[in-house]
Protein backbone atom coordinates (compact mmCIF):
# COMPACT_ATOMS: atom_id res chain seq x y z
CA MET A 1 -3.76 10.89 19.56
CA SER A 2 -7.23 10.71 21.02
CA VAL A 3 -10.04 8.86 19.37
CA ASN A 4 -13.47 10.41 19.02
CA VAL A 5 -15.38 7.42 20.39
CA GLN A 6 -18.82 8.86 19.67
CA ARG A 7 -17.95 9.32 16.00
CA VAL A 8 -16.46 5.83 15.76
CA LEU A 9 -19.51 4.20 17.36
CA LYS A 10 -21.88 6.29 15.25
CA THR A 11 -20.49 4.64 12.11
CA LEU A 12 -21.64 1.25 13.46
CA GLY A 13 -25.18 2.32 14.28
CA ASP A 14 -27.07 1.18 17.36
CA ASP A 15 -27.12 -2.61 17.08
CA TYR A 16 -23.64 -3.71 18.13
CA THR A 17 -22.31 -6.20 20.65
CA ILE A 18 -19.69 -5.17 23.21
CA ILE A 19 -17.12 -7.81 24.19
CA ASN A 20 -14.69 -7.39 27.08
CA ALA A 21 -11.35 -8.94 26.03
CA SER A 22 -9.99 -8.97 29.57
CA GLY A 23 -9.03 -12.52 30.58
CA HIS A 24 -9.65 -13.96 27.10
CA ILE A 25 -7.09 -15.79 24.96
CA LEU A 26 -6.30 -13.59 21.95
CA GLY A 27 -6.42 -16.24 19.22
CA ARG A 28 -9.55 -17.99 20.44
CA LEU A 29 -11.43 -14.73 20.92
CA SER A 30 -10.29 -13.47 17.52
CA SER A 31 -11.58 -16.58 15.75
CA VAL A 32 -14.99 -16.25 17.42
CA ILE A 33 -15.15 -12.56 16.49
CA ALA A 34 -14.07 -13.28 12.89
CA LYS A 35 -16.89 -15.80 12.44
CA ARG A 36 -19.46 -13.45 13.92
CA ILE A 37 -18.51 -10.40 11.85
CA LEU A 38 -18.53 -12.55 8.71
CA ARG A 39 -22.15 -13.40 9.57
CA GLY A 40 -22.93 -9.66 9.65
CA GLU A 41 -22.71 -8.83 13.37
CA LYS A 42 -21.21 -5.51 14.46
CA ILE A 43 -18.77 -5.95 17.34
CA VAL A 44 -16.98 -3.53 19.67
CA VAL A 45 -14.11 -4.89 21.77
CA VAL A 46 -12.99 -3.11 24.94
CA ASN A 47 -9.93 -3.74 27.16
CA ALA A 48 -7.94 -5.08 24.21
CA GLU A 49 -4.67 -4.58 26.09
CA LYS A 50 -5.77 -7.19 28.67
CA ALA A 51 -6.11 -10.03 26.15
CA ILE A 52 -3.86 -13.00 26.91
CA ILE A 53 -1.32 -14.68 24.63
CA THR A 54 -0.35 -18.12 25.90
CA GLY A 55 3.20 -19.40 25.72
CA ASP A 56 6.60 -18.76 27.22
CA ARG A 57 7.19 -15.04 27.69
CA ASP A 58 10.47 -14.90 25.76
CA MET A 59 9.10 -17.01 22.91
CA VAL A 60 6.01 -14.79 22.52
CA PHE A 61 8.14 -11.63 22.57
CA GLN A 62 10.52 -13.09 19.99
CA ARG A 63 7.69 -14.15 17.67
CA TYR A 64 6.03 -10.71 17.72
CA LYS A 65 9.39 -8.91 17.38
CA GLU A 66 10.12 -10.96 14.24
CA LYS A 67 6.75 -9.96 12.78
CA TYR A 68 7.40 -6.32 13.61
CA ASP A 69 10.94 -6.32 12.14
CA ARG A 70 10.02 -8.30 9.00
CA GLY A 71 9.41 -5.42 6.58
CA SER A 72 11.02 -2.12 5.78
CA LYS A 73 9.60 1.26 6.71
CA GLU A 74 9.21 2.18 3.05
CA LYS A 75 7.65 -0.96 1.59
CA GLY A 76 6.20 -2.98 4.48
CA PRO A 77 4.72 -5.36 5.46
CA TYR A 78 3.78 -3.25 8.43
CA PHE A 79 2.99 -4.84 11.77
CA PRO A 80 1.40 -2.64 14.45
CA ARG A 81 2.69 -1.83 17.93
CA HIS A 82 -0.56 -0.55 19.45
CA PRO A 83 -2.46 -3.25 21.37
CA GLU A 84 -5.80 -2.46 19.73
CA LYS A 85 -4.22 -2.58 16.29
CA ILE A 86 -2.46 -5.89 17.05
CA PHE A 87 -5.86 -7.23 18.12
CA LYS A 88 -7.49 -6.05 14.88
CA ARG A 89 -4.61 -7.49 12.85
CA THR A 90 -5.12 -10.86 14.55
CA VAL A 91 -8.80 -10.85 13.59
CA ARG A 92 -7.89 -9.70 10.07
CA GLY A 93 -5.66 -12.76 9.67
CA MET A 94 -8.74 -14.93 10.20
CA LEU A 95 -10.81 -13.18 7.53
CA PRO A 96 -10.77 -13.63 3.76
CA TRP A 97 -9.01 -10.25 3.53
CA LYS A 98 -8.48 -10.26 -0.23
CA SER A 99 -12.19 -10.52 -0.97
CA LYS A 100 -14.86 -7.87 -0.74
CA ARG A 101 -16.74 -9.95 1.83
CA GLY A 102 -13.73 -10.07 4.16
CA ARG A 103 -12.99 -6.36 3.93
CA GLU A 104 -16.62 -5.46 4.60
CA ALA A 105 -16.65 -7.76 7.61
CA TYR A 106 -13.46 -6.13 8.93
CA ARG A 107 -15.21 -2.74 8.84
CA ARG A 108 -17.80 -4.05 11.30
CA LEU A 109 -15.16 -4.38 14.06
CA ARG A 110 -14.07 -1.64 16.47
CA VAL A 111 -11.42 -2.16 19.14
CA PHE A 112 -10.53 0.11 22.08
CA ILE A 113 -7.88 0.22 24.78
CA GLY A 114 -9.63 0.32 28.14
CA VAL A 115 -13.33 1.15 28.39
CA PRO A 116 -14.36 4.46 26.78
CA ASP A 117 -16.62 6.73 28.86
CA GLU A 118 -19.42 6.28 26.31
CA LEU A 119 -19.49 2.52 27.00
CA LYS A 120 -19.17 2.57 30.80
CA GLY A 121 -22.16 1.11 32.60
CA ARG A 122 -23.16 -1.08 29.62
CA ASP A 123 -23.27 -4.86 29.76
CA PHE A 124 -20.24 -6.59 28.25
CA GLU A 125 -20.40 -10.02 26.68
CA VAL A 126 -18.02 -12.74 27.85
CA VAL A 127 -17.07 -15.44 25.34
CA GLU A 128 -16.95 -18.65 27.40
CA GLN A 129 -14.96 -20.72 24.87
CA ALA A 130 -12.14 -18.13 24.88
CA LEU A 131 -11.78 -17.54 28.62
CA PHE A 132 -8.28 -18.29 29.91
CA GLU A 133 -9.50 -19.93 33.13
CA LYS A 134 -11.86 -22.28 31.28
CA VAL A 135 -9.66 -23.46 28.40
CA SER A 136 -5.99 -23.04 29.18
CA LYS A 137 -3.92 -25.78 30.74
CA THR A 138 -0.79 -23.66 31.11
CA ASP A 139 0.35 -21.02 33.52
CA LYS A 140 2.66 -19.40 30.96
CA TYR A 141 1.10 -16.36 29.35
CA VAL A 142 1.71 -12.72 28.40
CA LEU A 143 -0.75 -9.83 28.24
CA LEU A 144 -1.10 -8.02 24.92
CA LYS A 145 -0.11 -4.84 26.77
CA ASP A 146 3.29 -6.39 27.60
CA VAL A 147 3.85 -7.40 23.96
CA SER A 148 3.07 -3.84 22.84
CA GLU A 149 5.47 -2.40 25.38
CA HIS A 150 8.14 -4.85 24.20
CA LEU A 151 7.65 -3.58 20.64
CA GLY A 152 8.13 0.01 21.84
CA TYR A 153 4.63 1.34 22.51
CA GLU A 154 3.76 3.15 25.73
CA VAL A 155 0.35 1.94 26.88
CA ARG A 156 -1.50 4.76 28.64
CA VAL A 157 -4.66 3.43 30.26
């Protein structure tokens, strides 16, 4: 399944911010993005598969596997395997999803695996308060790509 990046970006318009998720802690970056899209900003995230989840590798895998296995295929709740969809789901958990305001904010977010050709050569924003090197005191972490592969998704970058 290939995504028509031009069509996806066209829905946002011209005034959007591009954030590179590489080297950022997933939860911290998601909370910053959630606040900003609630204020009305339009945000595009690239390199979602390189976001970092801190914690012991086995514990992180177990936690995400439990979320994935929680529901049934017929009724849900459904938890994604794709890294960009896991990223969006993390941001969604920080939004008032059951209100109109939260759903409209969620529509202002676009997430991509890797850097699409249309966005190459552009300046990417780095969120200082979410950078792994600046905030983390641990050396135990897992990339979002590894979590996706553990859930059964083949990441093709």
